Protein backbone atom coordinates (compact mmCIF):
# COMPACT_ATOMS: atom_id res chain seq x y z
CA MET A 1 0.00 0.00 0.00
CA ALA A 2 1.19 3.50 -0.82
CA LYS A 3 0.44 6.47 1.40
CA LEU A 4 -0.31 9.63 -0.61
CA ILE A 5 -1.45 13.22 -0.18
CA LEU A 6 -4.09 14.16 -2.75
CA THR A 7 -3.48 17.41 -4.62
CA HIS A 8 -6.78 17.29 -6.57
CA GLU A 9 -10.21 15.84 -5.86
CA VAL A 10 -10.47 12.24 -7.05
CA THR A 11 -13.97 10.80 -7.30
CA GLY A 12 -14.44 7.92 -4.89
CA LEU A 13 -11.13 8.55 -3.12
CA GLY A 14 -11.06 11.98 -1.51
CA ALA A 15 -10.55 15.72 -1.80
CA ALA A 16 -7.38 17.77 -2.15
CA GLY A 17 -5.35 17.68 1.04
CA ASP A 18 -6.61 14.27 2.17
CA ILE A 19 -4.10 11.60 3.15
CA VAL A 20 -5.06 8.25 1.62
CA GLU A 21 -3.65 4.75 1.28
CA VAL A 22 -4.03 3.11 -2.13
CA LYS A 23 -2.51 0.14 -3.89
CA ASN A 24 0.96 0.67 -5.33
CA GLY A 25 -0.13 0.22 -8.96
CA TYR A 26 -2.96 2.77 -8.69
CA ALA A 27 -0.54 5.29 -7.18
CA ARG A 28 2.30 4.59 -9.61
CA ASN A 29 0.25 4.32 -12.81
CA TYR A 30 -2.60 6.80 -12.31
CA LEU A 31 -2.42 9.23 -9.40
CA LEU A 32 1.26 10.22 -9.48
CA PRO A 33 1.73 10.63 -13.29
CA ARG A 34 -1.38 12.82 -13.54
CA SER A 35 -0.29 14.93 -10.54
CA PHE A 36 -3.44 14.03 -8.61
CA ALA A 37 -1.28 13.12 -5.60
CA ILE A 38 2.19 13.35 -4.09
CA THR A 39 3.90 10.75 -1.96
CA TRP A 40 3.42 11.14 1.78
CA THR A 41 6.47 12.04 3.85
CA PRO A 42 6.70 13.29 7.42
CA GLY A 43 7.69 16.70 6.00
CA GLY A 44 4.81 16.49 3.53
CA GLU A 45 2.33 16.89 6.36
CA LYS A 46 3.15 20.61 6.26
CA GLN A 47 2.03 20.75 2.63
CA VAL A 48 -1.45 19.52 3.55
CA GLU A 49 -2.46 22.90 4.98
CA SER A 50 -1.22 24.79 1.91
CA ILE A 51 -3.06 22.35 -0.38
CA LYS A 52 -6.27 22.81 1.58
CA ALA A 53 -5.86 26.60 1.47
CA ALA A 54 -5.36 26.50 -2.31
CA ARG A 55 -8.43 24.27 -2.67
CA ALA A 56 -10.50 26.75 -0.71
CA ALA A 57 -9.29 29.62 -2.92
CA ARG A 58 -10.18 27.71 -6.11
CA ALA A 59 -13.58 26.57 -4.91
CA VAL A 60 -16.62 28.71 -5.36
CA ALA A 61 -16.42 31.14 -2.46
CA SER A 62 -19.64 30.41 -0.64
CA LEU A 63 -22.43 27.92 -0.59
CA GLU A 64 -24.97 30.52 -1.76
CA GLU A 65 -22.89 31.38 -4.83
CA ALA A 66 -22.50 27.69 -5.64
CA GLN A 67 -26.25 27.16 -5.38
CA ALA A 68 -26.92 30.15 -7.62
CA LEU A 69 -24.42 28.87 -10.19
CA ALA A 70 -25.98 25.39 -10.02
CA ALA A 71 -29.41 26.87 -10.71
CA ALA A 72 -28.05 28.84 -13.68
CA ILE A 73 -26.28 25.76 -15.10
CA SER A 74 -29.35 23.55 -14.75
CA ALA A 75 -31.75 26.18 -16.16
CA LYS A 76 -30.77 26.09 -19.81
CA PRO A 77 -29.03 23.60 -22.08
CA VAL A 78 -25.50 24.30 -23.29
CA LYS A 79 -24.86 24.03 -27.03
CA LEU A 80 -21.61 22.39 -28.17
CA THR A 81 -20.65 22.75 -31.82
CA VAL A 82 -18.20 20.06 -32.93
CA LYS A 83 -16.86 18.57 -36.14
CA ALA A 84 -18.92 15.58 -37.24
CA GLY A 85 -19.45 13.40 -40.25
CA ALA A 86 -22.58 13.22 -42.38
CA THR A 87 -24.11 10.55 -40.13
CA GLY A 88 -23.61 12.63 -36.98
CA ARG A 89 -20.59 10.69 -35.70
CA LEU A 90 -17.97 13.00 -34.16
CA PHE A 91 -14.34 13.21 -35.18
CA GLY A 92 -13.04 12.34 -31.72
CA THR A 93 -14.97 12.80 -28.49
CA VAL A 94 -16.24 15.66 -26.34
CA LYS A 95 -13.91 16.32 -23.41
CA THR A 96 -14.47 18.09 -20.09
CA ASP A 97 -12.42 21.04 -21.36
CA ASP A 98 -14.83 21.45 -24.30
CA ILE A 99 -17.80 21.46 -21.91
CA ALA A 100 -16.15 24.03 -19.60
CA LYS A 101 -15.45 26.33 -22.56
CA ALA A 102 -19.02 25.95 -23.88
CA VAL A 103 -20.49 26.79 -20.46
CA ALA A 104 -18.30 29.91 -20.24
CA ALA A 105 -19.21 30.90 -23.82
CA ALA A 106 -22.92 30.52 -23.01
CA GLY A 107 -22.49 33.15 -20.31
CA VAL A 108 -23.60 30.86 -17.49
CA GLY A 109 -20.35 31.08 -15.52
CA ALA A 110 -16.83 29.73 -15.32
CA ILE A 111 -16.34 26.19 -14.06
CA ASP A 112 -13.20 24.13 -13.64
CA LYS A 113 -12.86 21.28 -16.14
CA ARG A 114 -11.56 18.99 -13.37
CA ASN A 115 -14.93 19.24 -11.60
CA ILE A 116 -16.92 17.95 -14.59
CA GLU A 117 -17.87 14.27 -14.82
CA ILE A 118 -19.17 12.76 -18.06
CA ASN A 119 -21.07 9.52 -17.52
CA ASP A 120 -20.48 8.09 -20.98
CA HIS A 121 -18.29 8.96 -23.96
CA ILE A 122 -19.89 11.52 -26.25
CA LYS A 123 -19.14 10.34 -29.79
CA SER A 124 -22.18 11.48 -31.76
CA THR A 125 -24.51 14.43 -32.02
CA GLY A 126 -27.55 14.55 -29.75
CA ASN A 127 -28.59 15.40 -26.19
CA TYR A 128 -26.39 14.41 -23.25
CA SER A 129 -25.87 15.32 -19.63
CA ALA A 130 -22.84 15.81 -17.42
CA THR A 131 -22.41 16.47 -13.71
CA VAL A 132 -20.34 19.32 -12.26
CA ARG A 133 -19.23 19.58 -8.62
CA LEU A 134 -19.35 23.24 -7.62
CA HIS A 135 -18.92 22.90 -3.85
CA THR A 136 -18.56 20.02 -1.41
CA ASP A 137 -22.35 20.03 -0.91
CA VAL A 138 -23.50 21.28 -4.34
CA SER A 139 -23.45 19.57 -7.70
CA ALA A 140 -25.41 20.40 -10.84
CA THR A 141 -26.42 18.59 -14.01
CA ILE A 142 -25.52 20.23 -17.31
CA SER A 143 -27.79 19.53 -20.28
CA LEU A 144 -25.64 19.34 -23.40
CA VAL A 145 -26.85 19.67 -26.97
CA VAL A 146 -24.12 18.42 -29.30
CA VAL A 147 -24.54 19.66 -32.87
CA ALA A 148 -22.40 19.33 -35.99
CA ALA A 149 -20.45 22.34 -37.20
CA LYS A 150 -21.67 23.84 -40.46
CA LYS A 151 -19.40 23.18 -43.39
């Protein structure tokens, strides 16, 4: 087992600043290369407070603001224009970064791409949904309308 300090929120594992124990392969092959965690050391305990402070600065400032942003996100669908073939199949897939940019372009608000979870791969045009974590207690569902770019 490897003892790690999380630097980002990992679904099902913990939030930034948490100290967790995971299997060596999960740490070595997923968490450490993607900079989701750093190895735990006795001196690393001091970093936990700075990580938690940075997390608080990045998070939406208050619960009320997060709830207001969640209401705005859930109120109207977000349109994503992507390259697609004649049958509606996309050239590639829609990523969380694309969704974050589309939400910002729609004027709803700015969200961090790392807080967006897509349930299934989006590989064709149509209607989809994604979940965004805005605060520890607040999450919202984004309605996505994926359309093909005009040629």
